[in-house]
Each structure stands twice: as C-alpha cells, then as structure tokens.
Amino acid sequence: MPYENGDDELFGPMNMEESFDFSDFGDEIVWKVGDGVSFVVSQEDSSLDEKNLDPPEKPVAKAISGDSFKDVPAFQFLEKINMTLLPNIPGTGIGIHHTTNTWQVRYPAATKKSVARTFGDTKKGFVYPVQALLECLLWAWQQHLEKNPFCATSKERIQVIQGALKVNLGHDVA
C-alpha cells in the first residue's frame, strides 16, 4: 500500500497556528481552514478497550456527517453504501483538501496521527477519488485493529474496504 512504505503524499498533524472556523454539527466539529479545506472531527468519547464490552456501550464505528462533503461525489457515493464509517475514537475524522485533491483521515490514538492520499493525476499515475478515500479509511481501521486486536468490527471493515479496492469500486465517480 502506498502509505505503508512512506513514499507517497503523506501529511502530518495540521499546523494549529493557522486561523480556523469551528462549526458545530451535533457530535462533530467541522474545521474550515481556508483554501477549501474542511475537516470533520468527532467529539464522542469512547474506550479503546473493546474486548471487555459485551454488548458494546458505544458503537465501534461511527458515521461522519455528509453535510460537510455534500459537493464531494466520492464521499457521497461511499456514504450511500455505508462505507465512510470510522472508528469511534475521539478526534478521528475525515478531511479533504480541495486545492491539492487530497483526502486525509486522522486517527489520534495511533503513533502516526493521520494519513493522506492525493487523487487525480499523481507522479505514480491516476488515482480515483474513491480509491484515495478508501485507502485513507483502510489505514484508520488498520490502526484501530492494531490498538484493539480483538475488534471484530475492525476486521470486518478492513475486509470490506480491501474488497472494494480490489474491484476498483467507484472508478466511474468523478
């Protein structure tokens, strides 16, 4: 995978000294960071230790509000088929950088806090927007599974996303 060998377009944590517009969306905050960048971050609290929860007190996966991405066909496509779920960890979120055609997913419980994937024409060839988003979501679920090795939901999400990537799901979505 491109983000595993470190030679792809990866971004670290955002520069928090920039000016932000924080907008509330229920249990989420949307950060609007100029230049067409929006980032949705969860505020919901959850435990990393899921193996002792029977049944889980909180869902393992959470949905991100599609309102922030209403003009982004790749997100809308995946949201309709319930594939935009993220681990339910505070601070986990999805962002899109419109000026660089880059999806970014944050998973603050990991050593590396975020991963990004550029779509469109790249140095390594053309990357579909849905493919880039799926690769970011896959990374988040892999990080969650690493922190929670007994999490069946993580294993299931990883398998579904890997299958979607294998069949090139969404290759016809702009």
Protein backbone atom coordinates (compact mmCIF):
# COMPACT_ATOMS: atom_id res chain seq x y z
CA MET A 1 0.00 0.00 0.00
CA PRO A 2 1.33 3.47 -0.81
CA TYR A 3 1.15 4.84 2.73
CA GLU A 4 2.99 1.88 4.27
CA ASN A 5 6.31 2.44 2.54
CA GLY A 6 6.30 6.17 3.21
CA ASP A 7 6.96 7.32 -0.36
CA ASP A 8 3.53 8.79 -1.05
CA GLU A 9 1.98 12.20 -0.34
CA LEU A 10 1.54 11.99 3.44
CA PHE A 11 0.79 14.86 5.75
CA GLY A 12 1.40 15.01 9.47
CA PRO A 13 -0.72 16.87 12.02
CA MET A 14 -2.14 20.17 10.88
CA ASN A 15 -0.40 23.42 11.82
CA MET A 16 -2.60 24.58 14.68
CA GLU A 17 -1.33 28.18 14.45
CA GLU A 18 -3.45 28.84 11.36
CA SER A 19 -6.83 30.53 11.69
CA PHE A 20 -9.77 28.15 11.88
CA ASP A 21 -13.54 28.48 11.62
CA PHE A 22 -15.04 25.93 14.02
CA SER A 23 -18.63 24.98 13.17
CA ASP A 24 -20.69 22.54 15.24
CA PHE A 25 -22.57 19.65 13.63
CA GLY A 26 -24.13 17.82 16.58
CA ASP A 27 -21.45 15.46 17.95
CA GLU A 28 -18.92 16.71 15.40
CA ILE A 29 -16.89 19.83 14.78
CA VAL A 30 -16.06 20.98 11.27
CA TRP A 31 -12.78 22.83 10.92
CA LYS A 32 -12.65 25.16 7.94
CA VAL A 33 -9.03 26.06 7.31
CA GLY A 34 -9.05 28.41 4.32
CA ASP A 35 -8.05 27.36 0.80
CA GLY A 36 -11.04 25.00 0.54
CA VAL A 37 -10.02 22.69 3.40
CA SER A 38 -12.68 21.22 5.68
CA PHE A 39 -12.10 18.66 8.40
CA VAL A 40 -14.76 16.84 10.42
CA VAL A 41 -13.67 15.73 13.89
CA SER A 42 -15.62 13.61 16.34
CA GLN A 43 -16.21 14.72 19.91
CA GLU A 44 -17.78 11.48 21.06
CA ASP A 45 -15.95 9.71 23.86
CA SER A 46 -15.15 6.03 23.55
CA SER A 47 -12.89 3.44 25.13
CA LEU A 48 -10.06 1.88 23.16
CA ASP A 49 -10.54 -1.40 25.02
CA GLU A 50 -13.47 -3.08 23.27
CA LYS A 51 -12.82 -6.71 24.15
CA ASN A 52 -14.49 -6.31 27.57
CA LEU A 53 -17.67 -4.69 26.26
CA ASP A 54 -20.47 -7.18 25.73
CA PRO A 55 -22.58 -5.69 24.14
CA PRO A 56 -20.61 -2.53 23.34
CA GLU A 57 -21.71 0.51 25.33
CA LYS A 58 -20.96 2.66 22.30
CA PRO A 59 -20.75 1.57 18.68
CA VAL A 60 -17.28 0.69 17.43
CA ALA A 61 -17.91 2.53 14.16
CA LYS A 62 -19.33 6.00 13.67
CA ALA A 63 -20.70 7.88 10.72
CA ILE A 64 -19.37 11.28 9.70
CA SER A 65 -21.87 13.94 8.68
CA GLY A 66 -22.15 14.08 4.91
CA ASP A 67 -23.23 17.72 5.10
CA SER A 68 -19.60 18.81 5.08
CA PHE A 69 -18.99 16.84 1.90
CA LYS A 70 -22.27 17.46 0.05
CA ASP A 71 -20.35 18.65 -3.03
CA VAL A 72 -17.85 15.76 -3.00
CA PRO A 73 -19.12 12.89 -5.20
CA ALA A 74 -16.61 10.32 -3.88
CA PHE A 75 -17.76 10.82 -0.29
CA GLN A 76 -21.45 10.85 -1.25
CA PHE A 77 -21.01 7.62 -3.23
CA LEU A 78 -19.34 5.79 -0.34
CA GLU A 79 -21.70 7.25 2.26
CA LYS A 80 -24.73 5.87 0.38
CA ILE A 81 -23.32 2.35 0.73
CA ASN A 82 -22.26 2.86 4.37
CA MET A 83 -18.52 2.79 3.64
CA THR A 84 -17.49 6.10 5.25
CA LEU A 85 -17.61 4.75 8.80
CA LEU A 86 -14.62 5.48 11.03
CA PRO A 87 -13.51 4.03 14.36
CA ASN A 88 -15.43 5.69 17.19
CA ILE A 89 -12.39 7.31 18.83
CA PRO A 90 -12.39 10.98 19.90
CA GLY A 91 -10.59 13.13 17.34
CA THR A 92 -10.95 10.68 14.47
CA GLY A 93 -12.08 12.47 11.33
CA ILE A 94 -12.03 12.86 7.58
CA GLY A 95 -10.79 15.90 5.73
CA ILE A 96 -10.47 16.93 2.13
CA HIS A 97 -8.01 19.44 0.79
CA HIS A 98 -9.69 20.73 -2.37
CA THR A 99 -6.67 22.73 -3.54
CA THR A 100 -4.40 19.65 -3.57
CA ASN A 101 -7.04 16.97 -4.31
CA THR A 102 -6.12 15.14 -1.13
CA TRP A 103 -8.17 13.11 1.34
CA GLN A 104 -6.88 12.99 4.89
CA VAL A 105 -8.01 10.77 7.76
CA ARG A 106 -6.99 11.35 11.37
CA TYR A 107 -6.71 8.62 13.98
CA PRO A 108 -5.16 10.28 17.02
CA ALA A 109 -4.68 7.05 19.00
CA ALA A 110 -2.02 5.89 16.50
CA THR A 111 1.68 6.71 16.56
CA LYS A 112 1.28 8.44 13.22
CA LYS A 113 -1.76 10.66 13.74
CA SER A 114 -3.02 10.96 10.15
CA VAL A 115 -2.60 9.76 6.62
CA ALA A 116 -3.41 11.49 3.34
CA ARG A 117 -3.85 10.30 -0.21
CA THR A 118 -3.86 12.53 -3.28
CA PHE A 119 -6.25 11.73 -6.12
CA GLY A 120 -6.28 12.65 -9.80
CA ASP A 121 -3.06 12.79 -11.83
CA THR A 122 -0.16 11.99 -9.50
CA LYS A 123 3.51 11.15 -10.03
CA LYS A 124 2.60 7.46 -9.82
CA GLY A 125 -0.33 7.68 -12.23
CA PHE A 126 -4.04 8.42 -11.98
CA VAL A 127 -5.78 7.76 -8.64
CA TYR A 128 -9.58 7.82 -8.47
CA PRO A 129 -11.10 9.96 -5.68
CA VAL A 130 -13.00 6.98 -4.24
CA GLN A 131 -9.82 4.88 -4.24
CA ALA A 132 -7.91 7.60 -2.36
CA LEU A 133 -10.66 7.91 0.26
CA LEU A 134 -10.92 4.13 0.67
CA GLU A 135 -7.15 3.87 1.21
CA CYS A 136 -7.36 6.51 3.95
CA LEU A 137 -10.31 4.74 5.61
CA LEU A 138 -8.45 1.43 5.40
CA TRP A 139 -5.48 2.98 7.20
CA ALA A 140 -7.73 4.21 10.05
CA TRP A 141 -9.29 0.78 10.54
CA GLN A 142 -5.87 -0.89 10.42
CA GLN A 143 -4.66 1.49 13.15
CA HIS A 144 -7.76 0.70 15.21
CA LEU A 145 -7.22 -3.05 14.82
CA GLU A 146 -3.59 -2.65 15.87
CA LYS A 147 -4.75 -0.92 19.09
CA ASN A 148 -7.69 -3.35 19.54
CA PRO A 149 -6.62 -6.75 18.21
CA PHE A 150 -9.89 -8.43 19.27
CA CYS A 151 -12.15 -5.95 17.48
CA ALA A 152 -14.36 -7.90 15.08
CA THR A 153 -15.77 -4.69 13.59
CA SER A 154 -12.28 -3.54 12.57
CA LYS A 155 -11.56 -6.88 10.90
CA GLU A 156 -14.87 -6.70 9.03
CA ARG A 157 -14.36 -3.09 7.89
CA ILE A 158 -10.83 -3.87 6.69
CA GLN A 159 -12.07 -6.86 4.71
CA VAL A 160 -14.89 -4.85 3.10
CA ILE A 161 -12.61 -1.93 2.18
CA GLN A 162 -9.92 -4.23 0.79
CA GLY A 163 -12.60 -5.92 -1.34
CA ALA A 164 -13.83 -2.54 -2.59
CA LEU A 165 -10.28 -1.56 -3.55
CA LYS A 166 -9.70 -4.90 -5.26
CA VAL A 167 -12.75 -4.47 -7.51
CA ASN A 168 -11.95 -0.77 -8.11
CA LEU A 169 -15.24 0.35 -6.58
CA GLY A 170 -16.20 3.87 -7.62
CA HIS A 171 -13.82 4.14 -10.56
CA ASP A 172 -16.57 5.90 -12.50
CA VAL A 173 -17.27 8.51 -9.79
CA ALA A 174 -15.76 11.92 -10.52
